[in-house]
Amino acid sequence: MKQIPILRVGDLLELKKPHPCGGNKFRVVRVGSQVRMICLTCEHDMTLDRIKLEKAIRQILPFAEEKKGTENQ
C-alpha cells in the first residue's frame, strides 16, 4: 500500500511534468482536499486536487530542510 505524502505550507514540491513556463518547482500555500501552490519560476498561483497532485509529485523538500540549506550559503 502506498503511503500518503505529508504536505505542509511552505514545502517545496518538484513535479514530474514542468509548468508551461518551464519550471517544475512549486511552493505549497494551502493544504486541504485541494492544494494551492505557486510556481517558483513565473509565480503563477494554481490549485490542484490533492489526489491528482500526489500522483504528480517527484520529490518533496520540507520547509525546515530548505531553511537549513540556505543558512549555510
PDB file of N, CA and C in Angstrom:
ATOM      1  N   MET A   1       0.842  -1.185   0.000  1.00  0.00           N
ATOM      2  CA  MET A   1       0.000   0.000   0.000  1.00  0.00           C
ATOM      3  C   MET A   1       0.884   1.243   0.000  1.00  0.00           C
ATOM      4  N   LYS A   2       0.553   2.182  -0.853  1.00  0.00           N
ATOM      5  CA  LYS A   2       1.335   3.403  -0.978  1.00  0.00           C
ATOM      6  C   LYS A   2       1.014   4.361   0.168  1.00  0.00           C
ATOM      7  N   GLN A   3       2.064   4.995   0.696  1.00  0.00           N
ATOM      8  CA  GLN A   3       1.905   5.907   1.810  1.00  0.00           C
ATOM      9  C   GLN A   3       1.457   7.292   1.315  1.00  0.00           C
ATOM     10  N   ILE A   4       0.576   7.934   2.065  1.00  0.00           N
ATOM     11  CA  ILE A   4       0.095   9.265   1.710  1.00  0.00           C
ATOM     12  C   ILE A   4       1.174  10.284   2.069  1.00  0.00           C
ATOM     13  N   PRO A   5       1.612  11.106   1.093  1.00  0.00           N
ATOM     14  CA  PRO A   5       2.646  12.093   1.416  1.00  0.00           C
ATOM     15  C   PRO A   5       2.108  13.187   2.340  1.00  0.00           C
ATOM     16  N   ILE A   6       2.942  13.602   3.281  1.00  0.00           N
ATOM     17  CA  ILE A   6       2.563  14.673   4.203  1.00  0.00           C
ATOM     18  C   ILE A   6       3.003  15.995   3.589  1.00  0.00           C
ATOM     19  N   LEU A   7       2.049  16.864   3.346  1.00  0.00           N
ATOM     20  CA  LEU A   7       2.321  18.184   2.775  1.00  0.00           C
ATOM     21  C   LEU A   7       2.057  19.251   3.817  1.00  0.00           C
ATOM     22  N   ARG A   8       2.951  20.214   3.904  1.00  0.00           N
ATOM     23  CA  ARG A   8       2.779  21.340   4.823  1.00  0.00           C
ATOM     24  C   ARG A   8       2.961  22.632   4.063  1.00  0.00           C
ATOM     25  N   VAL A   9       2.371  23.685   4.580  1.00  0.00           N
ATOM     26  CA  VAL A   9       2.526  25.008   3.985  1.00  0.00           C
ATOM     27  C   VAL A   9       4.007  25.379   4.035  1.00  0.00           C
ATOM     28  N   GLY A  10       4.534  25.830   2.912  1.00  0.00           N
ATOM     29  CA  GLY A  10       5.937  26.219   2.825  1.00  0.00           C
ATOM     30  C   GLY A  10       6.821  25.165   2.183  1.00  0.00           C
ATOM     31  N   ASP A  11       6.344  23.925   2.070  1.00  0.00           N
ATOM     32  CA  ASP A  11       7.141  22.867   1.438  1.00  0.00           C
ATOM     33  C   ASP A  11       7.358  23.185  -0.038  1.00  0.00           C
ATOM     34  N   LEU A  12       8.477  22.712  -0.570  1.00  0.00           N
ATOM     35  CA  LEU A  12       8.756  22.827  -1.996  1.00  0.00           C
ATOM     36  C   LEU A  12       8.434  21.495  -2.646  1.00  0.00           C
ATOM     37  N   LEU A  13       7.718  21.527  -3.759  1.00  0.00           N
ATOM     38  CA  LEU A  13       7.387  20.309  -4.486  1.00  0.00           C
ATOM     39  C   LEU A  13       8.062  20.337  -5.843  1.00  0.00           C
ATOM     40  N   GLU A  14       8.686  19.220  -6.201  1.00  0.00           N
ATOM     41  CA  GLU A  14       9.206  19.059  -7.549  1.00  0.00           C
ATOM     42  C   GLU A  14       8.257  18.093  -8.241  1.00  0.00           C
ATOM     43  N   LEU A  15       7.629  18.538  -9.337  1.00  0.00           N
ATOM     44  CA  LEU A  15       6.648  17.720 -10.034  1.00  0.00           C
ATOM     45  C   LEU A  15       7.269  17.011 -11.235  1.00  0.00           C
ATOM     46  N   LYS A  16       6.610  15.944 -11.683  1.00  0.00           N
ATOM     47  CA  LYS A  16       7.105  15.156 -12.817  1.00  0.00           C
ATOM     48  C   LYS A  16       7.043  15.944 -14.115  1.00  0.00           C
ATOM     49  N   LYS A  17       5.938  16.656 -14.337  1.00  0.00           N
ATOM     50  CA  LYS A  17       5.777  17.438 -15.564  1.00  0.00           C
ATOM     51  C   LYS A  17       6.069  18.906 -15.285  1.00  0.00           C
ATOM     52  N   PRO A  18       6.758  19.576 -16.196  1.00  0.00           N
ATOM     53  CA  PRO A  18       7.025  21.005 -15.977  1.00  0.00           C
ATOM     54  C   PRO A  18       5.793  21.864 -16.234  1.00  0.00           C
ATOM     55  N   HIS A  19       5.764  23.015 -15.609  1.00  0.00           N
ATOM     56  CA  HIS A  19       4.744  24.038 -15.838  1.00  0.00           C
ATOM     57  C   HIS A  19       4.994  24.610 -17.238  1.00  0.00           C
ATOM     58  N   PRO A  20       4.001  25.176 -17.915  1.00  0.00           N
ATOM     59  CA  PRO A  20       4.228  25.741 -19.255  1.00  0.00           C
ATOM     60  C   PRO A  20       5.383  26.757 -19.322  1.00  0.00           C
ATOM     61  N   CYS A  21       5.707  27.402 -18.203  1.00  0.00           N
ATOM     62  CA  CYS A  21       6.818  28.366 -18.197  1.00  0.00           C
ATOM     63  C   CYS A  21       8.176  27.659 -18.186  1.00  0.00           C
ATOM     64  N   GLY A  22       8.191  26.345 -17.940  1.00  0.00           N
ATOM     65  CA  GLY A  22       9.435  25.586 -17.934  1.00  0.00           C
ATOM     66  C   GLY A  22       9.887  25.152 -16.545  1.00  0.00           C
ATOM     67  N   GLY A  23       9.330  25.761 -15.498  1.00  0.00           N
ATOM     68  CA  GLY A  23       9.709  25.406 -14.128  1.00  0.00           C
ATOM     69  C   GLY A  23       8.957  24.184 -13.644  1.00  0.00           C
ATOM     70  N   ASN A  24       9.583  23.416 -12.741  1.00  0.00           N
ATOM     71  CA  ASN A  24       8.880  22.257 -12.180  1.00  0.00           C
ATOM     72  C   ASN A  24       8.925  22.256 -10.646  1.00  0.00           C
ATOM     73  N   LYS A  25       9.251  23.405 -10.036  1.00  0.00           N
ATOM     74  CA  LYS A  25       9.250  23.528  -8.575  1.00  0.00           C
ATOM     75  C   LYS A  25       8.175  24.509  -8.130  1.00  0.00           C
ATOM     76  N   PHE A  26       7.446  24.093  -7.089  1.00  0.00           N
ATOM     77  CA  PHE A  26       6.311  24.864  -6.600  1.00  0.00           C
ATOM     78  C   PHE A  26       6.362  24.957  -5.081  1.00  0.00           C
ATOM     79  N   ARG A  27       5.901  26.073  -4.522  1.00  0.00           N
ATOM     80  CA  ARG A  27       5.803  26.254  -3.071  1.00  0.00           C
ATOM     81  C   ARG A  27       4.346  26.053  -2.665  1.00  0.00           C
ATOM     82  N   VAL A  28       4.106  25.238  -1.621  1.00  0.00           N
ATOM     83  CA  VAL A  28       2.760  24.969  -1.116  1.00  0.00           C
ATOM     84  C   VAL A  28       2.278  26.175  -0.302  1.00  0.00           C
ATOM     85  N   VAL A  29       1.071  26.665  -0.632  1.00  0.00           N
ATOM     86  CA  VAL A  29       0.492  27.825   0.049  1.00  0.00           C
ATOM     87  C   VAL A  29      -0.669  27.417   0.943  1.00  0.00           C
ATOM     88  N   ARG A  30      -1.454  26.402   0.497  1.00  0.00           N
ATOM     89  CA  ARG A  30      -2.605  25.943   1.275  1.00  0.00           C
ATOM     90  C   ARG A  30      -2.758  24.446   1.074  1.00  0.00           C
ATOM     91  N   VAL A  31      -3.117  23.738   2.153  1.00  0.00           N
ATOM     92  CA  VAL A  31      -3.273  22.287   2.091  1.00  0.00           C
ATOM     93  C   VAL A  31      -4.674  21.914   2.569  1.00  0.00           C
ATOM     94  N   GLY A  32      -5.294  21.016   1.850  1.00  0.00           N
ATOM     95  CA  GLY A  32      -6.625  20.523   2.190  1.00  0.00           C
ATOM     96  C   GLY A  32      -6.980  19.457   1.173  1.00  0.00           C
ATOM     97  N   SER A  33      -8.257  19.318   0.819  1.00  0.00           N
ATOM     98  CA  SER A  33      -8.625  18.374  -0.229  1.00  0.00           C
ATOM     99  C   SER A  33      -8.110  18.867  -1.577  1.00  0.00           C
ATOM    100  N   GLN A  34      -7.894  20.165  -1.665  1.00  0.00           N
ATOM    101  CA  GLN A  34      -7.216  20.781  -2.799  1.00  0.00           C
ATOM    102  C   GLN A  34      -5.970  21.477  -2.264  1.00  0.00           C
ATOM    103  N   VAL A  35      -4.905  21.450  -3.044  1.00  0.00           N
ATOM    104  CA  VAL A  35      -3.642  22.065  -2.630  1.00  0.00           C
ATOM    105  C   VAL A  35      -3.372  23.259  -3.525  1.00  0.00           C
ATOM    106  N   ARG A  36      -3.122  24.400  -2.888  1.00  0.00           N
ATOM    107  CA  ARG A  36      -2.802  25.617  -3.629  1.00  0.00           C
ATOM    108  C   ARG A  36      -1.296  25.808  -3.586  1.00  0.00           C
ATOM    109  N   MET A  37      -0.709  26.087  -4.753  1.00  0.00           N
ATOM    110  CA  MET A  37       0.740  26.259  -4.818  1.00  0.00           C
ATOM    111  C   MET A  37       1.109  27.336  -5.817  1.00  0.00           C
ATOM    112  N   ILE A  38       2.347  27.818  -5.688  1.00  0.00           N
ATOM    113  CA  ILE A  38       2.842  28.887  -6.546  1.00  0.00           C
ATOM    114  C   ILE A  38       4.083  28.382  -7.264  1.00  0.00           C
ATOM    115  N   CYS A  39       4.123  28.583  -8.589  1.00  0.00           N
ATOM    116  CA  CYS A  39       5.287  28.228  -9.390  1.00  0.00           C
ATOM    117  C   CYS A  39       6.436  29.160  -9.002  1.00  0.00           C
ATOM    118  N   LEU A  40       7.609  28.604  -8.738  1.00  0.00           N
ATOM    119  CA  LEU A  40       8.750  29.423  -8.328  1.00  0.00           C
ATOM    120  C   LEU A  40       9.397  30.157  -9.503  1.00  0.00           C
ATOM    121  N   THR A  41       9.106  29.729 -10.732  1.00  0.00           N
ATOM    122  CA  THR A  41       9.690  30.372 -11.907  1.00  0.00           C
ATOM    123  C   THR A  41       8.901  31.601 -12.331  1.00  0.00           C
ATOM    124  N   CYS A  42       7.573  31.440 -12.509  1.00  0.00           N
ATOM    125  CA  CYS A  42       6.759  32.552 -13.020  1.00  0.00           C
ATOM    126  C   CYS A  42       5.790  33.123 -11.983  1.00  0.00           C
ATOM    127  N   GLU A  43       5.762  32.520 -10.771  1.00  0.00           N
ATOM    128  CA  GLU A  43       4.891  32.944  -9.666  1.00  0.00           C
ATOM    129  C   GLU A  43       3.398  32.813  -9.980  1.00  0.00           C
ATOM    130  N   HIS A  44       3.041  31.905 -10.893  1.00  0.00           N
ATOM    131  CA  HIS A  44       1.637  31.631 -11.196  1.00  0.00           C
ATOM    132  C   HIS A  44       1.031  30.848 -10.038  1.00  0.00           C
ATOM    133  N   ASP A  45      -0.148  31.263  -9.594  1.00  0.00           N
ATOM    134  CA  ASP A  45      -0.859  30.650  -8.482  1.00  0.00           C
ATOM    135  C   ASP A  45      -1.841  29.625  -9.044  1.00  0.00           C
ATOM    136  N   MET A  46      -1.785  28.372  -8.560  1.00  0.00           N
ATOM    137  CA  MET A  46      -2.694  27.349  -9.079  1.00  0.00           C
ATOM    138  C   MET A  46      -3.163  26.409  -7.983  1.00  0.00           C
ATOM    139  N   THR A  47      -4.313  25.786  -8.216  1.00  0.00           N
ATOM    140  CA  THR A  47      -4.915  24.850  -7.271  1.00  0.00           C
ATOM    141  C   THR A  47      -5.127  23.510  -7.967  1.00  0.00           C
ATOM    142  N   LEU A  48      -4.729  22.419  -7.288  1.00  0.00           N
ATOM    143  CA  LEU A  48      -4.917  21.075  -7.823  1.00  0.00           C
ATOM    144  C   LEU A  48      -5.582  20.198  -6.766  1.00  0.00           C
ATOM    145  N   ASP A  49      -6.377  19.230  -7.224  1.00  0.00           N
ATOM    146  CA  ASP A  49      -6.929  18.240  -6.302  1.00  0.00           C
ATOM    147  C   ASP A  49      -5.766  17.475  -5.683  1.00  0.00           C
ATOM    148  N   ARG A  50      -5.871  17.177  -4.409  1.00  0.00           N
ATOM    149  CA  ARG A  50      -4.778  16.524  -3.694  1.00  0.00           C
ATOM    150  C   ARG A  50      -4.418  15.173  -4.319  1.00  0.00           C
ATOM    151  N   ILE A  51      -5.409  14.389  -4.702  1.00  0.00           N
ATOM    152  CA  ILE A  51      -5.165  13.060  -5.274  1.00  0.00           C
ATOM    153  C   ILE A  51      -4.378  13.172  -6.577  1.00  0.00           C
ATOM    154  N   LYS A  52      -4.755  14.122  -7.418  1.00  0.00           N
ATOM    155  CA  LYS A  52      -4.053  14.346  -8.680  1.00  0.00           C
ATOM    156  C   LYS A  52      -2.616  14.820  -8.426  1.00  0.00           C
ATOM    157  N   LEU A  53      -2.460  15.706  -7.457  1.00  0.00           N
ATOM    158  CA  LEU A  53      -1.137  16.236  -7.128  1.00  0.00           C
ATOM    159  C   LEU A  53      -0.221  15.141  -6.573  1.00  0.00           C
ATOM    160  N   GLU A  54      -0.755  14.270  -5.716  1.00  0.00           N
ATOM    161  CA  GLU A  54       0.059  13.205  -5.121  1.00  0.00           C
ATOM    162  C   GLU A  54       0.681  12.312  -6.193  1.00  0.00           C
ATOM    163  N   LYS A  55      -0.038  12.089  -7.288  1.00  0.00           N
ATOM    164  CA  LYS A  55       0.481  11.276  -8.389  1.00  0.00           C
ATOM    165  C   LYS A  55       1.554  12.016  -9.186  1.00  0.00           C
ATOM    166  N   ALA A  56       1.504  13.349  -9.162  1.00  0.00           N
ATOM    167  CA  ALA A  56       2.423  14.164  -9.966  1.00  0.00           C
ATOM    168  C   ALA A  56       3.704  14.549  -9.236  1.00  0.00           C
ATOM    169  N   ILE A  57       3.787  14.266  -7.932  1.00  0.00           N
ATOM    170  CA  ILE A  57       4.958  14.679  -7.150  1.00  0.00           C
ATOM    171  C   ILE A  57       6.141  13.753  -7.405  1.00  0.00           C
ATOM    172  N   ARG A  58       7.283  14.351  -7.720  1.00  0.00           N
ATOM    173  CA  ARG A  58       8.530  13.592  -7.850  1.00  0.00           C
ATOM    174  C   ARG A  58       9.296  13.621  -6.528  1.00  0.00           C
ATOM    175  N   GLN A  59       9.331  14.814  -5.889  1.00  0.00           N
ATOM    176  CA  GLN A  59      10.098  14.965  -4.655  1.00  0.00           C
ATOM    177  C   GLN A  59       9.481  16.065  -3.803  1.00  0.00           C
ATOM    178  N   ILE A  60       9.508  15.871  -2.481  1.00  0.00           N
ATOM    179  CA  ILE A  60       9.051  16.889  -1.530  1.00  0.00           C
ATOM    180  C   ILE A  60      10.264  17.365  -0.748  1.00  0.00           C
ATOM    181  N   LEU A  61      10.517  18.676  -0.782  1.00  0.00           N
ATOM    182  CA  LEU A  61      11.590  19.266   0.007  1.00  0.00           C
ATOM    183  C   LEU A  61      10.937  19.991   1.169  1.00  0.00           C
ATOM    184  N   PRO A  62      10.978  19.405   2.369  1.00  0.00           N
ATOM    185  CA  PRO A  62      10.316  20.033   3.517  1.00  0.00           C
ATOM    186  C   PRO A  62      10.860  21.429   3.796  1.00  0.00           C
ATOM    187  N   PHE A  63       9.995  22.278   4.306  1.00  0.00           N
ATOM    188  CA  PHE A  63      10.314  23.676   4.583  1.00  0.00           C
ATOM    189  C   PHE A  63      11.505  23.810   5.517  1.00  0.00           C
ATOM    190  N   ALA A  64      11.580  22.997   6.572  1.00  0.00           N
ATOM    191  CA  ALA A  64      12.663  23.085   7.562  1.00  0.00           C
ATOM    192  C   ALA A  64      14.012  22.748   6.934  1.00  0.00           C
ATOM    193  N   GLU A  65      14.069  21.713   6.092  1.00  0.00           N
ATOM    194  CA  GLU A  65      15.326  21.323   5.451  1.00  0.00           C
ATOM    195  C   GLU A  65      15.817  22.407   4.495  1.00  0.00           C
ATOM    196  N   GLU A  66      14.898  23.025   3.799  1.00  0.00           N
ATOM    197  CA  GLU A  66      15.264  24.074   2.853  1.00  0.00           C
ATOM    198  C   GLU A  66      15.877  25.253   3.581  1.00  0.00           C
ATOM    199  N   LYS A  67      15.303  25.624   4.735  1.00  0.00           N
ATOM    200  CA  LYS A  67      15.841  26.749   5.523  1.00  0.00           C
ATOM    201  C   LYS A  67      17.268  26.452   5.971  1.00  0.00           C
ATOM    202  N   LYS A  68      17.503  25.233   6.434  1.00  0.00           N
ATOM    203  CA  LYS A  68      18.850  24.856   6.900  1.00  0.00           C
ATOM    204  C   LYS A  68      19.855  24.979   5.760  1.00  0.00           C
ATOM    205  N   GLY A  69      19.463  24.559   4.559  1.00  0.00           N
ATOM    206  CA  GLY A  69      20.352  24.598   3.405  1.00  0.00           C
ATOM    207  C   GLY A  69      20.714  26.006   2.989  1.00  0.00           C
ATOM    208  N   THR A  70      19.813  26.974   3.134  1.00  0.00           N
ATOM    209  CA  THR A  70      20.094  28.350   2.730  1.00  0.00           C
ATOM    210  C   THR A  70      20.926  29.095   3.762  1.00  0.00           C
ATOM    211  N   GLU A  71      20.919  28.641   5.016  1.00  0.00           N
ATOM    212  CA  GLU A  71      21.698  29.321   6.058  1.00  0.00           C
ATOM    213  C   GLU A  71      23.195  29.108   5.841  1.00  0.00           C
ATOM    214  N   ASN A  72      23.570  27.972   5.260  1.00  0.00           N
ATOM    215  CA  ASN A  72      24.981  27.667   5.052  1.00  0.00           C
ATOM    216  C   ASN A  72      25.598  28.421   3.880  1.00  0.00           C
ATOM    217  N   GLN A  73      24.800  28.960   3.000  1.00  0.00           N
ATOM    218  CA  GLN A  73      25.327  29.630   1.814  1.00  0.00           C
ATOM    219  C   GLN A  73      25.712  31.030   2.056  1.00  0.00           C
TER     220      GLN A  73
END
